[in-house]
Amino acid sequence: MEYVRVRDAEVPAIGLGTWQLTGEQCYETVSTALELGYRHVDTAQLYGNEREVGSAIADADVDREDVFLTTKVTPGNARYDDVIESTRASLDRLDTDYVDLLLLHWPAPLVSFRETARAMAELRDEGLVRHAGVSNFRRWRLKRAREKSPIPLVADQVRLHPHYTHRSLREYCADVDAMVTAYSPLAHGGLVDDDLLARIGERYGKTPAQVALRWVTQLENVAAVPKSTNREHLAGNLAALDFELTDAEMEQIDRPSLVRSAGLFLRNEMGL
């Protein structure tokens, strides 16, 4: 397993996303992922599956301290008291004494991030949260949040894949020693027919999805949390780490993104 290292956090480069996974399917998927070697699991209060995620981790033949576990506070719980109360409730559902990373799931415009971050800092001081961060924050909003936070924000989780590159956010996070976590790194299956990824994959005996995941995880300070319920696909995602793209290939994958998603790229570059 490869790791992204920021500040004192060590995060497996590929984890399991659990959005839209609920009930027995969620439990079985997390159990299978852990059996295959995943050691990074991502959930959220909004997903409604923290109980199943926690049960799967507790039942697995894996020590809790070996699993990097992330959950997210819903924006409706962004006020100080609500962050404290809802995070404690998340810990109860997850059946764990702490989470490795606590994120604010989306910006909460009606609540100062200073208030949210103050609660996160208290939770960290109590040992209930090891690291804090945000999700779905553009570069400019992340910069402002960092200025308001009494503790380091080690991560920003955003949708990121070869057609949606978040280049300016990535560069900013690398400069300030923070991590970008890429959700939907396979564009919900939208990369399967990408000719460039297919051509590069042929050189290594890899699928377009594996090339896309390798591109994401070779970026500086970037981890990925793809979602799958299929055992073969889960194993295939981990196998994206057993080869390495050349610098030229990394640039090739980035460059067509400017054409395929020009409007999105321009907004990324402007930090909007």
C-alpha atoms as a PDB file:
ATOM      1  CA  MET A   1       0.000   0.000   0.000  1.00  0.00           C
ATOM      2  CA  GLU A   2       1.175   3.511  -0.782  1.00  0.00           C
ATOM      3  CA  TYR A   3       0.538   6.390   1.603  1.00  0.00           C
ATOM      4  CA  VAL A   4      -0.046  10.115   1.445  1.00  0.00           C
ATOM      5  CA  ARG A   5       1.826  11.827   4.268  1.00  0.00           C
ATOM      6  CA  VAL A   6       0.785  15.294   5.387  1.00  0.00           C
ATOM      7  CA  ARG A   7       1.848  16.765   8.701  1.00  0.00           C
ATOM      8  CA  ASP A   8       1.587  13.816  11.111  1.00  0.00           C
ATOM      9  CA  ALA A   9      -1.105  11.971   9.137  1.00  0.00           C
ATOM     10  CA  GLU A  10      -0.331   8.852   7.115  1.00  0.00           C
ATOM     11  CA  VAL A  11      -3.214   8.006   4.799  1.00  0.00           C
ATOM     12  CA  PRO A  12      -3.497   4.966   2.486  1.00  0.00           C
ATOM     13  CA  ALA A  13      -3.504   6.286  -1.075  1.00  0.00           C
ATOM     14  CA  ILE A  14      -6.576   4.250  -2.066  1.00  0.00           C
ATOM     15  CA  GLY A  15      -9.552   3.879   0.226  1.00  0.00           C
ATOM     16  CA  LEU A  16     -13.165   2.805   0.005  1.00  0.00           C
ATOM     17  CA  GLY A  17     -15.930   5.325  -0.595  1.00  0.00           C
ATOM     18  CA  THR A  18     -19.317   4.335   0.854  1.00  0.00           C
ATOM     19  CA  TRP A  19     -21.723   6.938  -0.526  1.00  0.00           C
ATOM     20  CA  GLN A  20     -25.096   5.328  -1.376  1.00  0.00           C
ATOM     21  CA  LEU A  21     -24.113   2.083   0.363  1.00  0.00           C
ATOM     22  CA  THR A  22     -26.559   1.132   3.100  1.00  0.00           C
ATOM     23  CA  GLY A  23     -27.629  -1.832   5.180  1.00  0.00           C
ATOM     24  CA  GLU A  24     -26.262  -5.297   4.495  1.00  0.00           C
ATOM     25  CA  GLN A  25     -24.696  -4.227   1.192  1.00  0.00           C
ATOM     26  CA  CYS A  26     -22.619  -1.617   2.999  1.00  0.00           C
ATOM     27  CA  TYR A  27     -21.535  -4.069   5.694  1.00  0.00           C
ATOM     28  CA  GLU A  28     -20.543  -6.728   3.155  1.00  0.00           C
ATOM     29  CA  THR A  29     -18.704  -4.252   0.925  1.00  0.00           C
ATOM     30  CA  VAL A  30     -16.631  -2.814   3.760  1.00  0.00           C
ATOM     31  CA  SER A  31     -15.922  -6.342   5.049  1.00  0.00           C
ATOM     32  CA  THR A  32     -14.766  -7.469   1.608  1.00  0.00           C
ATOM     33  CA  ALA A  33     -12.605  -4.380   1.144  1.00  0.00           C
ATOM     34  CA  LEU A  34     -10.869  -4.912   4.469  1.00  0.00           C
ATOM     35  CA  GLU A  35     -10.301  -8.576   3.627  1.00  0.00           C
ATOM     36  CA  LEU A  36      -8.692  -7.544   0.326  1.00  0.00           C
ATOM     37  CA  GLY A  37      -6.311  -5.142   2.064  1.00  0.00           C
ATOM     38  CA  TYR A  38      -8.067  -1.783   2.156  1.00  0.00           C
ATOM     39  CA  ARG A  39      -7.083   0.227   5.218  1.00  0.00           C
ATOM     40  CA  HIS A  40      -8.857   3.507   4.466  1.00  0.00           C
ATOM     41  CA  VAL A  41     -12.647   3.837   4.728  1.00  0.00           C
ATOM     42  CA  ASP A  42     -14.709   6.970   4.091  1.00  0.00           C
ATOM     43  CA  THR A  43     -18.229   7.598   5.390  1.00  0.00           C
ATOM     44  CA  ALA A  44     -20.408  10.534   6.495  1.00  0.00           C
ATOM     45  CA  GLN A  45     -23.339  11.397   8.713  1.00  0.00           C
ATOM     46  CA  LEU A  46     -25.355  12.132   5.562  1.00  0.00           C
ATOM     47  CA  TYR A  47     -24.729   8.652   4.157  1.00  0.00           C
ATOM     48  CA  GLY A  48     -26.773   6.984   6.888  1.00  0.00           C
ATOM     49  CA  ASN A  49     -24.377   4.031   7.021  1.00  0.00           C
ATOM     50  CA  GLU A  50     -21.990   4.780   9.887  1.00  0.00           C
ATOM     51  CA  ARG A  51     -23.420   1.905  11.941  1.00  0.00           C
ATOM     52  CA  GLU A  52     -22.784  -0.622   9.158  1.00  0.00           C
ATOM     53  CA  VAL A  53     -19.303   0.752   8.486  1.00  0.00           C
ATOM     54  CA  GLY A  54     -18.429   0.543  12.164  1.00  0.00           C
ATOM     55  CA  SER A  55     -19.781  -2.994  12.506  1.00  0.00           C
ATOM     56  CA  ALA A  56     -17.767  -4.186   9.508  1.00  0.00           C
ATOM     57  CA  ILE A  57     -14.564  -2.689  10.918  1.00  0.00           C
ATOM     58  CA  ALA A  58     -15.243  -4.135  14.371  1.00  0.00           C
ATOM     59  CA  ASP A  59     -15.916  -7.605  12.940  1.00  0.00           C
ATOM     60  CA  ALA A  60     -12.919  -7.632  10.602  1.00  0.00           C
ATOM     61  CA  ASP A  61      -9.678  -9.407  11.391  1.00  0.00           C
ATOM     62  CA  VAL A  62      -7.946  -6.035  11.341  1.00  0.00           C
ATOM     63  CA  ASP A  63      -6.860  -3.874  14.258  1.00  0.00           C
ATOM     64  CA  ARG A  64      -8.813  -0.627  14.514  1.00  0.00           C
ATOM     65  CA  GLU A  65      -5.613   1.422  14.639  1.00  0.00           C
ATOM     66  CA  ASP A  66      -4.632   0.014  11.236  1.00  0.00           C
ATOM     67  CA  VAL A  67      -7.718   1.499   9.555  1.00  0.00           C
ATOM     68  CA  PHE A  68      -7.791   5.177   8.585  1.00  0.00           C
ATOM     69  CA  LEU A  69     -11.439   6.092   9.164  1.00  0.00           C
ATOM     70  CA  THR A  70     -13.028   9.318   7.939  1.00  0.00           C
ATOM     71  CA  THR A  71     -16.490  10.672   8.631  1.00  0.00           C
ATOM     72  CA  LYS A  72     -18.092  13.996   7.828  1.00  0.00           C
ATOM     73  CA  VAL A  73     -20.250  16.446   9.751  1.00  0.00           C
ATOM     74  CA  THR A  74     -23.359  17.499   7.843  1.00  0.00           C
ATOM     75  CA  PRO A  75     -23.560  21.296   7.245  1.00  0.00           C
ATOM     76  CA  GLY A  76     -26.697  21.369   9.364  1.00  0.00           C
ATOM     77  CA  ASN A  77     -24.507  20.378  12.318  1.00  0.00           C
ATOM     78  CA  ALA A  78     -21.840  23.030  11.702  1.00  0.00           C
ATOM     79  CA  ARG A  79     -22.493  25.088  14.844  1.00  0.00           C
ATOM     80  CA  TYR A  80     -20.193  24.505  17.797  1.00  0.00           C
ATOM     81  CA  ASP A  81     -22.551  22.489  20.024  1.00  0.00           C
ATOM     82  CA  ASP A  82     -23.923  20.540  17.079  1.00  0.00           C
ATOM     83  CA  VAL A  83     -20.443  19.564  15.863  1.00  0.00           C
ATOM     84  CA  ILE A  84     -19.634  18.212  19.324  1.00  0.00           C
ATOM     85  CA  GLU A  85     -22.948  16.399  19.777  1.00  0.00           C
ATOM     86  CA  SER A  86     -23.200  14.963  16.255  1.00  0.00           C
ATOM     87  CA  THR A  87     -19.589  13.760  16.240  1.00  0.00           C
ATOM     88  CA  ARG A  88     -20.113  11.939  19.530  1.00  0.00           C
ATOM     89  CA  ALA A  89     -23.208  10.351  17.983  1.00  0.00           C
ATOM     90  CA  SER A  90     -21.136   9.346  14.934  1.00  0.00           C
ATOM     91  CA  LEU A  91     -18.578   7.700  17.207  1.00  0.00           C
ATOM     92  CA  ASP A  92     -21.362   5.744  18.897  1.00  0.00           C
ATOM     93  CA  ARG A  93     -22.711   4.561  15.547  1.00  0.00           C
ATOM     94  CA  LEU A  94     -19.213   3.722  14.308  1.00  0.00           C
ATOM     95  CA  ASP A  95     -18.492   1.871  17.570  1.00  0.00           C
ATOM     96  CA  THR A  96     -15.096   3.517  17.886  1.00  0.00           C
ATOM     97  CA  ASP A  97     -13.342   5.763  20.362  1.00  0.00           C
ATOM     98  CA  TYR A  98     -12.059   8.105  17.659  1.00  0.00           C
ATOM     99  CA  VAL A  99     -12.057   8.896  13.957  1.00  0.00           C
ATOM    100  CA  ASP A 100      -8.826   9.549  12.124  1.00  0.00           C
ATOM    101  CA  LEU A 101     -10.271  12.402  10.098  1.00  0.00           C
ATOM    102  CA  LEU A 102     -13.353  14.567  10.659  1.00  0.00           C
ATOM    103  CA  LEU A 103     -14.501  16.747   7.765  1.00  0.00           C
ATOM    104  CA  LEU A 104     -17.182  19.388   7.349  1.00  0.00           C
ATOM    105  CA  HIS A 105     -19.088  17.796   4.476  1.00  0.00           C
ATOM    106  CA  TRP A 106     -20.055  20.986   2.623  1.00  0.00           C
ATOM    107  CA  PRO A 107     -19.581  24.708   3.302  1.00  0.00           C
ATOM    108  CA  ALA A 108     -22.133  26.070   5.775  1.00  0.00           C
ATOM    109  CA  PRO A 109     -22.569  29.729   4.694  1.00  0.00           C
ATOM    110  CA  LEU A 110     -24.755  30.655   7.679  1.00  0.00           C
ATOM    111  CA  VAL A 111     -22.158  29.480  10.215  1.00  0.00           C
ATOM    112  CA  SER A 112     -18.688  30.952  10.618  1.00  0.00           C
ATOM    113  CA  PHE A 113     -16.113  28.257  10.003  1.00  0.00           C
ATOM    114  CA  ARG A 114     -14.295  29.655  13.020  1.00  0.00           C
ATOM    115  CA  GLU A 115     -17.082  28.199  15.177  1.00  0.00           C
ATOM    116  CA  THR A 116     -16.961  24.824  13.429  1.00  0.00           C
ATOM    117  CA  ALA A 117     -13.191  24.619  13.668  1.00  0.00           C
ATOM    118  CA  ARG A 118     -13.220  25.545  17.345  1.00  0.00           C
ATOM    119  CA  ALA A 119     -15.424  22.515  18.005  1.00  0.00           C
ATOM    120  CA  MET A 120     -13.163  20.309  15.898  1.00  0.00           C
ATOM    121  CA  ALA A 121     -10.189  21.518  17.915  1.00  0.00           C
ATOM    122  CA  GLU A 122     -11.923  20.583  21.163  1.00  0.00           C
ATOM    123  CA  LEU A 123     -12.731  17.132  19.830  1.00  0.00           C
ATOM    124  CA  ARG A 124      -9.111  16.704  18.817  1.00  0.00           C
ATOM    125  CA  ASP A 125      -7.923  17.806  22.252  1.00  0.00           C
ATOM    126  CA  GLU A 126     -10.207  15.178  23.798  1.00  0.00           C
ATOM    127  CA  GLY A 127      -8.725  12.484  21.560  1.00  0.00           C
ATOM    128  CA  LEU A 128     -12.008  11.852  19.746  1.00  0.00           C
ATOM    129  CA  VAL A 129     -10.676  13.182  16.436  1.00  0.00           C
ATOM    130  CA  ARG A 130      -7.093  12.857  15.257  1.00  0.00           C
ATOM    131  CA  HIS A 131      -7.249  15.198  12.263  1.00  0.00           C
ATOM    132  CA  ALA A 132      -9.679  17.747  10.854  1.00  0.00           C
ATOM    133  CA  GLY A 133     -10.494  19.055   7.417  1.00  0.00           C
ATOM    134  CA  VAL A 134     -13.222  20.003   4.973  1.00  0.00           C
ATOM    135  CA  SER A 135     -15.007  18.648   1.922  1.00  0.00           C
ATOM    136  CA  ASN A 136     -16.244  20.317  -1.266  1.00  0.00           C
ATOM    137  CA  PHE A 137     -14.318  23.548  -0.548  1.00  0.00           C
ATOM    138  CA  ARG A 138     -12.879  25.482  -3.475  1.00  0.00           C
ATOM    139  CA  ARG A 139      -9.365  26.855  -3.124  1.00  0.00           C
ATOM    140  CA  TRP A 140     -10.430  30.313  -1.991  1.00  0.00           C
ATOM    141  CA  ARG A 141     -12.836  28.897   0.589  1.00  0.00           C
ATOM    142  CA  LEU A 142     -10.227  26.474   1.906  1.00  0.00           C
ATOM    143  CA  LYS A 143      -7.743  29.322   2.257  1.00  0.00           C
ATOM    144  CA  ARG A 144     -10.233  31.322   4.308  1.00  0.00           C
ATOM    145  CA  ALA A 145     -11.105  28.293   6.429  1.00  0.00           C
ATOM    146  CA  ARG A 146      -7.449  27.678   7.215  1.00  0.00           C
ATOM    147  CA  GLU A 147      -7.107  31.293   8.355  1.00  0.00           C
ATOM    148  CA  LYS A 148     -10.022  30.803  10.776  1.00  0.00           C
ATOM    149  CA  SER A 149      -9.015  27.405  12.148  1.00  0.00           C
ATOM    150  CA  PRO A 150      -7.008  27.061  15.386  1.00  0.00           C
ATOM    151  CA  ILE A 151      -5.750  23.657  14.196  1.00  0.00           C
ATOM    152  CA  PRO A 152      -4.311  22.497  10.867  1.00  0.00           C
ATOM    153  CA  LEU A 153      -6.802  21.406   8.218  1.00  0.00           C
ATOM    154  CA  VAL A 154      -5.075  18.397   6.729  1.00  0.00           C
ATOM    155  CA  ALA A 155      -7.547  17.529   3.946  1.00  0.00           C
ATOM    156  CA  ASP A 156     -10.089  18.780   1.443  1.00  0.00           C
ATOM    157  CA  GLN A 157     -12.225  16.049  -0.135  1.00  0.00           C
ATOM    158  CA  VAL A 158     -13.500  16.957  -3.606  1.00  0.00           C
ATOM    159  CA  ARG A 159     -14.683  15.320  -6.816  1.00  0.00           C
ATOM    160  CA  LEU A 160     -11.498  14.802  -8.816  1.00  0.00           C
ATOM    161  CA  HIS A 161     -10.690  12.680 -11.858  1.00  0.00           C
ATOM    162  CA  PRO A 162      -8.880  13.110 -15.221  1.00  0.00           C
ATOM    163  CA  HIS A 163     -11.789  15.100 -16.670  1.00  0.00           C
ATOM    164  CA  TYR A 164     -12.077  17.334 -13.592  1.00  0.00           C
ATOM    165  CA  THR A 165      -8.598  18.091 -12.397  1.00  0.00           C
ATOM    166  CA  HIS A 166      -8.811  20.739  -9.626  1.00  0.00           C
ATOM    167  CA  ARG A 167      -5.293  21.791 -10.549  1.00  0.00           C
ATOM    168  CA  SER A 168      -5.180  25.033  -8.571  1.00  0.00           C
ATOM    169  CA  LEU A 169      -6.595  23.365  -5.445  1.00  0.00           C
ATOM    170  CA  ARG A 170      -4.057  20.556  -5.725  1.00  0.00           C
ATOM    171  CA  GLU A 171      -1.196  23.013  -6.057  1.00  0.00           C
ATOM    172  CA  TYR A 172      -2.418  25.050  -3.095  1.00  0.00           C
ATOM    173  CA  CYS A 173      -2.768  21.974  -0.883  1.00  0.00           C
ATOM    174  CA  ALA A 174       0.712  20.777  -1.806  1.00  0.00           C
ATOM    175  CA  ASP A 175       2.092  24.208  -0.879  1.00  0.00           C
ATOM    176  CA  VAL A 176       0.465  24.199   2.578  1.00  0.00           C
ATOM    177  CA  ASP A 177       1.075  20.501   3.367  1.00  0.00           C
ATOM    178  CA  ALA A 178      -2.548  19.428   3.084  1.00  0.00           C
ATOM    179  CA  MET A 179      -4.103  16.491   1.267  1.00  0.00           C
ATOM    180  CA  VAL A 180      -6.731  16.336  -1.441  1.00  0.00           C
ATOM    181  CA  THR A 181      -8.984  13.289  -1.196  1.00  0.00           C
ATOM    182  CA  ALA A 182     -10.552  12.455  -4.550  1.00  0.00           C
ATOM    183  CA  TYR A 183     -14.085  11.146  -4.484  1.00  0.00           C
ATOM    184  CA  SER A 184     -15.648   9.833  -7.710  1.00  0.00           C
ATOM    185  CA  PRO A 185     -12.110   9.366  -9.139  1.00  0.00           C
ATOM    186  CA  LEU A 186     -13.585   7.149 -11.866  1.00  0.00           C
ATOM    187  CA  ALA A 187     -16.287   9.685 -12.819  1.00  0.00           C
ATOM    188  CA  HIS A 188     -19.059   7.193 -12.011  1.00  0.00           C
ATOM    189  CA  GLY A 189     -17.845   4.936 -14.818  1.00  0.00           C
ATOM    190  CA  GLY A 190     -17.498   7.794 -17.276  1.00  0.00           C
ATOM    191  CA  LEU A 191     -13.828   7.018 -17.968  1.00  0.00           C
ATOM    192  CA  VAL A 192     -14.391   3.497 -19.284  1.00  0.00           C
ATOM    193  CA  ASP A 193     -14.524   4.686 -22.899  1.00  0.00           C
ATOM    194  CA  ASP A 194     -11.690   7.209 -22.646  1.00  0.00           C
ATOM    195  CA  ASP A 195      -9.428   6.417 -25.622  1.00  0.00           C
ATOM    196  CA  LEU A 196      -6.300   7.965 -24.113  1.00  0.00           C
ATOM    197  CA  LEU A 197      -6.629   6.045 -20.851  1.00  0.00           C
ATOM    198  CA  ALA A 198      -7.268   2.852 -22.843  1.00  0.00           C
ATOM    199  CA  ARG A 199      -4.135   3.359 -24.988  1.00  0.00           C
ATOM    200  CA  ILE A 200      -1.964   3.994 -21.954  1.00  0.00           C
ATOM    201  CA  GLY A 201      -3.509   1.035 -20.159  1.00  0.00           C
ATOM    202  CA  GLU A 202      -2.601  -1.298 -23.015  1.00  0.00           C
ATOM    203  CA  ARG A 203       1.078  -0.626 -22.327  1.00  0.00           C
ATOM    204  CA  TYR A 204       0.720  -1.941 -18.787  1.00  0.00           C
ATOM    205  CA  GLY A 205      -2.084  -4.464 -19.133  1.00  0.00           C
ATOM    206  CA  LYS A 206      -4.381  -2.158 -17.143  1.00  0.00           C
ATOM    207  CA  THR A 207      -7.935  -0.922 -17.634  1.00  0.00           C
ATOM    208  CA  PRO A 208      -8.814   2.751 -18.236  1.00  0.00           C
ATOM    209  CA  ALA A 209     -10.181   2.859 -14.662  1.00  0.00           C
ATOM    210  CA  GLN A 210      -6.879   1.628 -13.246  1.00  0.00           C
ATOM    211  CA  VAL A 211      -4.951   4.186 -15.290  1.00  0.00           C
ATOM    212  CA  ALA A 212      -7.250   6.927 -13.995  1.00  0.00           C
ATOM    213  CA  LEU A 213      -6.743   5.796 -10.401  1.00  0.00           C
ATOM    214  CA  ARG A 214      -2.997   5.618 -10.906  1.00  0.00           C
ATOM    215  CA  TRP A 215      -2.992   9.131 -12.328  1.00  0.00           C
ATOM    216  CA  VAL A 216      -4.913  10.406  -9.305  1.00  0.00           C
ATOM    217  CA  THR A 217      -2.690   8.650  -6.751  1.00  0.00           C
ATOM    218  CA  GLN A 218       0.534   9.767  -8.438  1.00  0.00           C
ATOM    219  CA  LEU A 219      -0.474  13.396  -8.037  1.00  0.00           C
ATOM    220  CA  GLU A 220       1.234  15.146  -5.146  1.00  0.00           C
ATOM    221  CA  ASN A 221      -0.610  14.831  -1.819  1.00  0.00           C
ATOM    222  CA  VAL A 222      -3.674  13.151  -3.367  1.00  0.00           C
ATOM    223  CA  ALA A 223      -5.529  10.046  -2.143  1.00  0.00           C
ATOM    224  CA  ALA A 224      -8.613   8.470  -3.726  1.00  0.00           C
ATOM    225  CA  VAL A 225     -11.757   6.838  -2.332  1.00  0.00           C
ATOM    226  CA  PRO A 226     -13.454   5.040  -5.246  1.00  0.00           C
ATOM    227  CA  LYS A 227     -16.686   3.187  -4.548  1.00  0.00           C
ATOM    228  CA  SER A 228     -17.523  -0.307  -5.724  1.00  0.00           C
ATOM    229  CA  THR A 229     -19.577  -3.212  -4.416  1.00  0.00           C
ATOM    230  CA  ASN A 230     -17.981  -5.743  -6.777  1.00  0.00           C
ATOM    231  CA  ARG A 231     -15.171  -7.842  -5.302  1.00  0.00           C
ATOM    232  CA  GLU A 232     -13.283  -7.983  -8.607  1.00  0.00           C
ATOM    233  CA  HIS A 233     -13.487  -4.220  -9.042  1.00  0.00           C
ATOM    234  CA  LEU A 234     -12.425  -3.631  -5.444  1.00  0.00           C
ATOM    235  CA  ALA A 235      -9.340  -5.786  -6.016  1.00  0.00           C
ATOM    236  CA  GLY A 236      -8.717  -4.099  -9.356  1.00  0.00           C
ATOM    237  CA  ASN A 237      -8.713  -0.683  -7.713  1.00  0.00           C
ATOM    238  CA  LEU A 238      -5.947  -1.752  -5.331  1.00  0.00           C
ATOM    239  CA  ALA A 239      -4.026  -3.195  -8.289  1.00  0.00           C
ATOM    240  CA  ALA A 240      -3.843   0.328  -9.702  1.00  0.00           C
ATOM    241  CA  LEU A 241      -0.936   0.842  -7.310  1.00  0.00           C
ATOM    242  CA  ASP A 242       1.313  -1.876  -8.765  1.00  0.00           C
ATOM    243  CA  PHE A 243       2.530   0.106 -11.762  1.00  0.00           C
ATOM    244  CA  GLU A 244       3.729   3.656 -12.371  1.00  0.00           C
ATOM    245  CA  LEU A 245       2.911   6.164 -15.074  1.00  0.00           C
ATOM    246  CA  THR A 246       5.734   8.140 -16.653  1.00  0.00           C
ATOM    247  CA  ASP A 247       5.892  11.914 -16.347  1.00  0.00           C
ATOM    248  CA  ALA A 248       4.946  12.149 -20.014  1.00  0.00           C
ATOM    249  CA  GLU A 249       1.885   9.971 -19.475  1.00  0.00           C
ATOM    250  CA  MET A 250       0.853  12.004 -16.456  1.00  0.00           C
ATOM    251  CA  GLU A 251       1.037  15.150 -18.599  1.00  0.00           C
ATOM    252  CA  GLN A 252      -0.833  13.479 -21.456  1.00  0.00           C
ATOM    253  CA  ILE A 253      -3.725  12.666 -19.150  1.00  0.00           C
ATOM    254  CA  ASP A 254      -3.778  16.203 -17.766  1.00  0.00           C
ATOM    255  CA  ARG A 255      -3.534  17.941 -21.132  1.00  0.00           C
ATOM    256  CA  PRO A 256      -6.671  16.548 -22.820  1.00  0.00           C
ATOM    257  CA  SER A 257      -8.586  17.555 -19.712  1.00  0.00           C
ATOM    258  CA  LEU A 258      -8.125  21.152 -20.809  1.00  0.00           C
ATOM    259  CA  VAL A 259     -10.073  20.411 -23.971  1.00  0.00           C
ATOM    260  CA  ARG A 260     -12.629  17.941 -22.635  1.00  0.00           C
ATOM    261  CA  SER A 261     -13.568  20.074 -19.656  1.00  0.00           C
ATOM    262  CA  ALA A 262     -12.386  23.548 -20.597  1.00  0.00           C
ATOM    263  CA  GLY A 263     -15.046  25.410 -18.661  1.00  0.00           C
ATOM    264  CA  LEU A 264     -14.526  23.336 -15.539  1.00  0.00           C
ATOM    265  CA  PHE A 265     -10.750  23.738 -15.810  1.00  0.00           C
ATOM    266  CA  LEU A 266     -10.991  27.505 -16.108  1.00  0.00           C
ATOM    267  CA  ARG A 267     -13.158  27.648 -12.991  1.00  0.00           C
ATOM    268  CA  ASN A 268     -10.631  25.430 -11.187  1.00  0.00           C
ATOM    269  CA  GLU A 269      -7.765  27.699 -12.184  1.00  0.00           C
ATOM    270  CA  MET A 270      -9.687  30.743 -10.929  1.00  0.00           C
ATOM    271  CA  GLY A 271     -10.361  28.978  -7.648  1.00  0.00           C
ATOM    272  CA  LEU A 272     -14.123  29.328  -8.031  1.00  0.00           C
END
